[in-house]
Amino acid sequence: MSTIEIALKQGTVESLLTFSEILKKDVNTILEEALEQYFEAEQQKLMEKNREDENAMTNLDYDEFWDGVDVD
């Protein structure tokens, strides 16, 4: 297991401690849950950006792209 040094602002530490008491959760649990949500949100953003990049790979409009395609 790797270790990293994390420095948090005083206000963030105070919020963590306050929510830990209110929610009856360990600070580490709160941080893990918050990071999981962050990673999921960022993954969604990356997937959306990839879709946009793929769509930008063609400079044809809809009609030009489908011109001559016969769909039965």
C-alpha atoms as a PDB file:
ATOM      1  CA  MET A   1       0.000   0.000   0.000  1.00  0.00           C
ATOM      2  CA  SER A   2       1.403   3.377  -1.001  1.00  0.00           C
ATOM      3  CA  THR A   3       1.214   6.334   1.298  1.00  0.00           C
ATOM      4  CA  ILE A   4       0.668   9.936   0.321  1.00  0.00           C
ATOM      5  CA  GLU A   5       0.762  13.130   2.281  1.00  0.00           C
ATOM      6  CA  ILE A   6      -2.500  15.051   2.237  1.00  0.00           C
ATOM      7  CA  ALA A   7      -2.767  18.649   3.375  1.00  0.00           C
ATOM      8  CA  LEU A   8      -6.263  20.005   3.965  1.00  0.00           C
ATOM      9  CA  LYS A   9      -7.382  23.538   4.694  1.00  0.00           C
ATOM     10  CA  GLN A  10      -8.457  24.162   8.268  1.00  0.00           C
ATOM     11  CA  GLY A  11     -12.049  24.775   7.167  1.00  0.00           C
ATOM     12  CA  THR A  12     -12.123  21.418   5.394  1.00  0.00           C
ATOM     13  CA  VAL A  13     -10.803  19.658   8.498  1.00  0.00           C
ATOM     14  CA  GLU A  14     -13.429  21.365  10.643  1.00  0.00           C
ATOM     15  CA  SER A  15     -16.172  20.345   8.210  1.00  0.00           C
ATOM     16  CA  LEU A  16     -14.916  16.762   8.190  1.00  0.00           C
ATOM     17  CA  LEU A  17     -14.960  16.604  11.969  1.00  0.00           C
ATOM     18  CA  THR A  18     -18.397  18.206  12.172  1.00  0.00           C
ATOM     19  CA  PHE A  19     -19.929  15.869   9.582  1.00  0.00           C
ATOM     20  CA  SER A  20     -18.201  12.913  11.213  1.00  0.00           C
ATOM     21  CA  GLU A  21     -20.045  13.707  14.439  1.00  0.00           C
ATOM     22  CA  ILE A  22     -23.378  14.489  12.764  1.00  0.00           C
ATOM     23  CA  LEU A  23     -23.349  11.422  10.512  1.00  0.00           C
ATOM     24  CA  LYS A  24     -21.682   9.141  13.060  1.00  0.00           C
ATOM     25  CA  LYS A  25     -19.122   8.188  10.411  1.00  0.00           C
ATOM     26  CA  ASP A  26     -15.381   7.904  10.587  1.00  0.00           C
ATOM     27  CA  VAL A  27     -13.498  10.697   8.796  1.00  0.00           C
ATOM     28  CA  ASN A  28     -11.786   8.115   6.572  1.00  0.00           C
ATOM     29  CA  THR A  29     -15.178   6.739   5.523  1.00  0.00           C
ATOM     30  CA  ILE A  30     -16.378  10.219   4.596  1.00  0.00           C
ATOM     31  CA  LEU A  31     -13.225  10.847   2.566  1.00  0.00           C
ATOM     32  CA  GLU A  32     -13.495   7.460   0.802  1.00  0.00           C
ATOM     33  CA  GLU A  33     -17.148   8.095  -0.087  1.00  0.00           C
ATOM     34  CA  ALA A  34     -16.382  11.605  -1.323  1.00  0.00           C
ATOM     35  CA  LEU A  35     -13.482  10.396  -3.450  1.00  0.00           C
ATOM     36  CA  GLU A  36     -15.579   7.579  -4.932  1.00  0.00           C
ATOM     37  CA  GLN A  37     -18.194  10.135  -5.992  1.00  0.00           C
ATOM     38  CA  TYR A  38     -15.465  12.394  -7.398  1.00  0.00           C
ATOM     39  CA  PHE A  39     -13.880   9.573  -9.402  1.00  0.00           C
ATOM     40  CA  GLU A  40     -17.263   8.506 -10.803  1.00  0.00           C
ATOM     41  CA  ALA A  41     -18.085  12.077 -11.843  1.00  0.00           C
ATOM     42  CA  GLU A  42     -14.685  12.559 -13.476  1.00  0.00           C
ATOM     43  CA  GLN A  43     -14.993   9.219 -15.284  1.00  0.00           C
ATOM     44  CA  GLN A  44     -18.362  10.349 -16.674  1.00  0.00           C
ATOM     45  CA  LYS A  45     -16.797  13.617 -17.841  1.00  0.00           C
ATOM     46  CA  LEU A  46     -13.960  11.752 -19.545  1.00  0.00           C
ATOM     47  CA  MET A  47     -16.364   9.380 -21.290  1.00  0.00           C
ATOM     48  CA  GLU A  48     -18.478  12.327 -22.473  1.00  0.00           C
ATOM     49  CA  LYS A  49     -15.378  14.134 -23.731  1.00  0.00           C
ATOM     50  CA  ASN A  50     -14.308  11.003 -25.612  1.00  0.00           C
ATOM     51  CA  ARG A  51     -17.742  10.809 -27.249  1.00  0.00           C
ATOM     52  CA  GLU A  52     -17.528  14.477 -28.214  1.00  0.00           C
ATOM     53  CA  ASP A  53     -14.020  13.970 -29.604  1.00  0.00           C
ATOM     54  CA  GLU A  54     -15.202  10.986 -31.649  1.00  0.00           C
ATOM     55  CA  ASN A  55     -18.119  13.021 -32.984  1.00  0.00           C
ATOM     56  CA  ALA A  56     -15.764  15.865 -33.877  1.00  0.00           C
ATOM     57  CA  MET A  57     -13.641  13.535 -36.009  1.00  0.00           C
ATOM     58  CA  THR A  58     -16.009  14.049 -38.928  1.00  0.00           C
ATOM     59  CA  ASN A  59     -16.715  17.426 -40.422  1.00  0.00           C
ATOM     60  CA  LEU A  60     -19.694  16.153 -42.382  1.00  0.00           C
ATOM     61  CA  ASP A  61     -23.163  17.243 -41.420  1.00  0.00           C
ATOM     62  CA  TYR A  62     -25.912  14.660 -40.957  1.00  0.00           C
ATOM     63  CA  ASP A  63     -27.154  14.766 -44.580  1.00  0.00           C
ATOM     64  CA  GLU A  64     -23.649  14.586 -46.043  1.00  0.00           C
ATOM     65  CA  PHE A  65     -22.726  11.679 -43.774  1.00  0.00           C
ATOM     66  CA  TRP A  66     -25.776   9.602 -44.760  1.00  0.00           C
ATOM     67  CA  ASP A  67     -25.857  10.649 -48.435  1.00  0.00           C
ATOM     68  CA  GLY A  68     -26.080   7.598 -50.649  1.00  0.00           C
ATOM     69  CA  VAL A  69     -26.743   5.135 -47.813  1.00  0.00           C
ATOM     70  CA  ASP A  70     -29.758   2.970 -48.543  1.00  0.00           C
ATOM     71  CA  VAL A  71     -31.358   1.673 -45.358  1.00  0.00           C
ATOM     72  CA  ASP A  72     -34.121  -0.876 -45.826  1.00  0.00           C
END
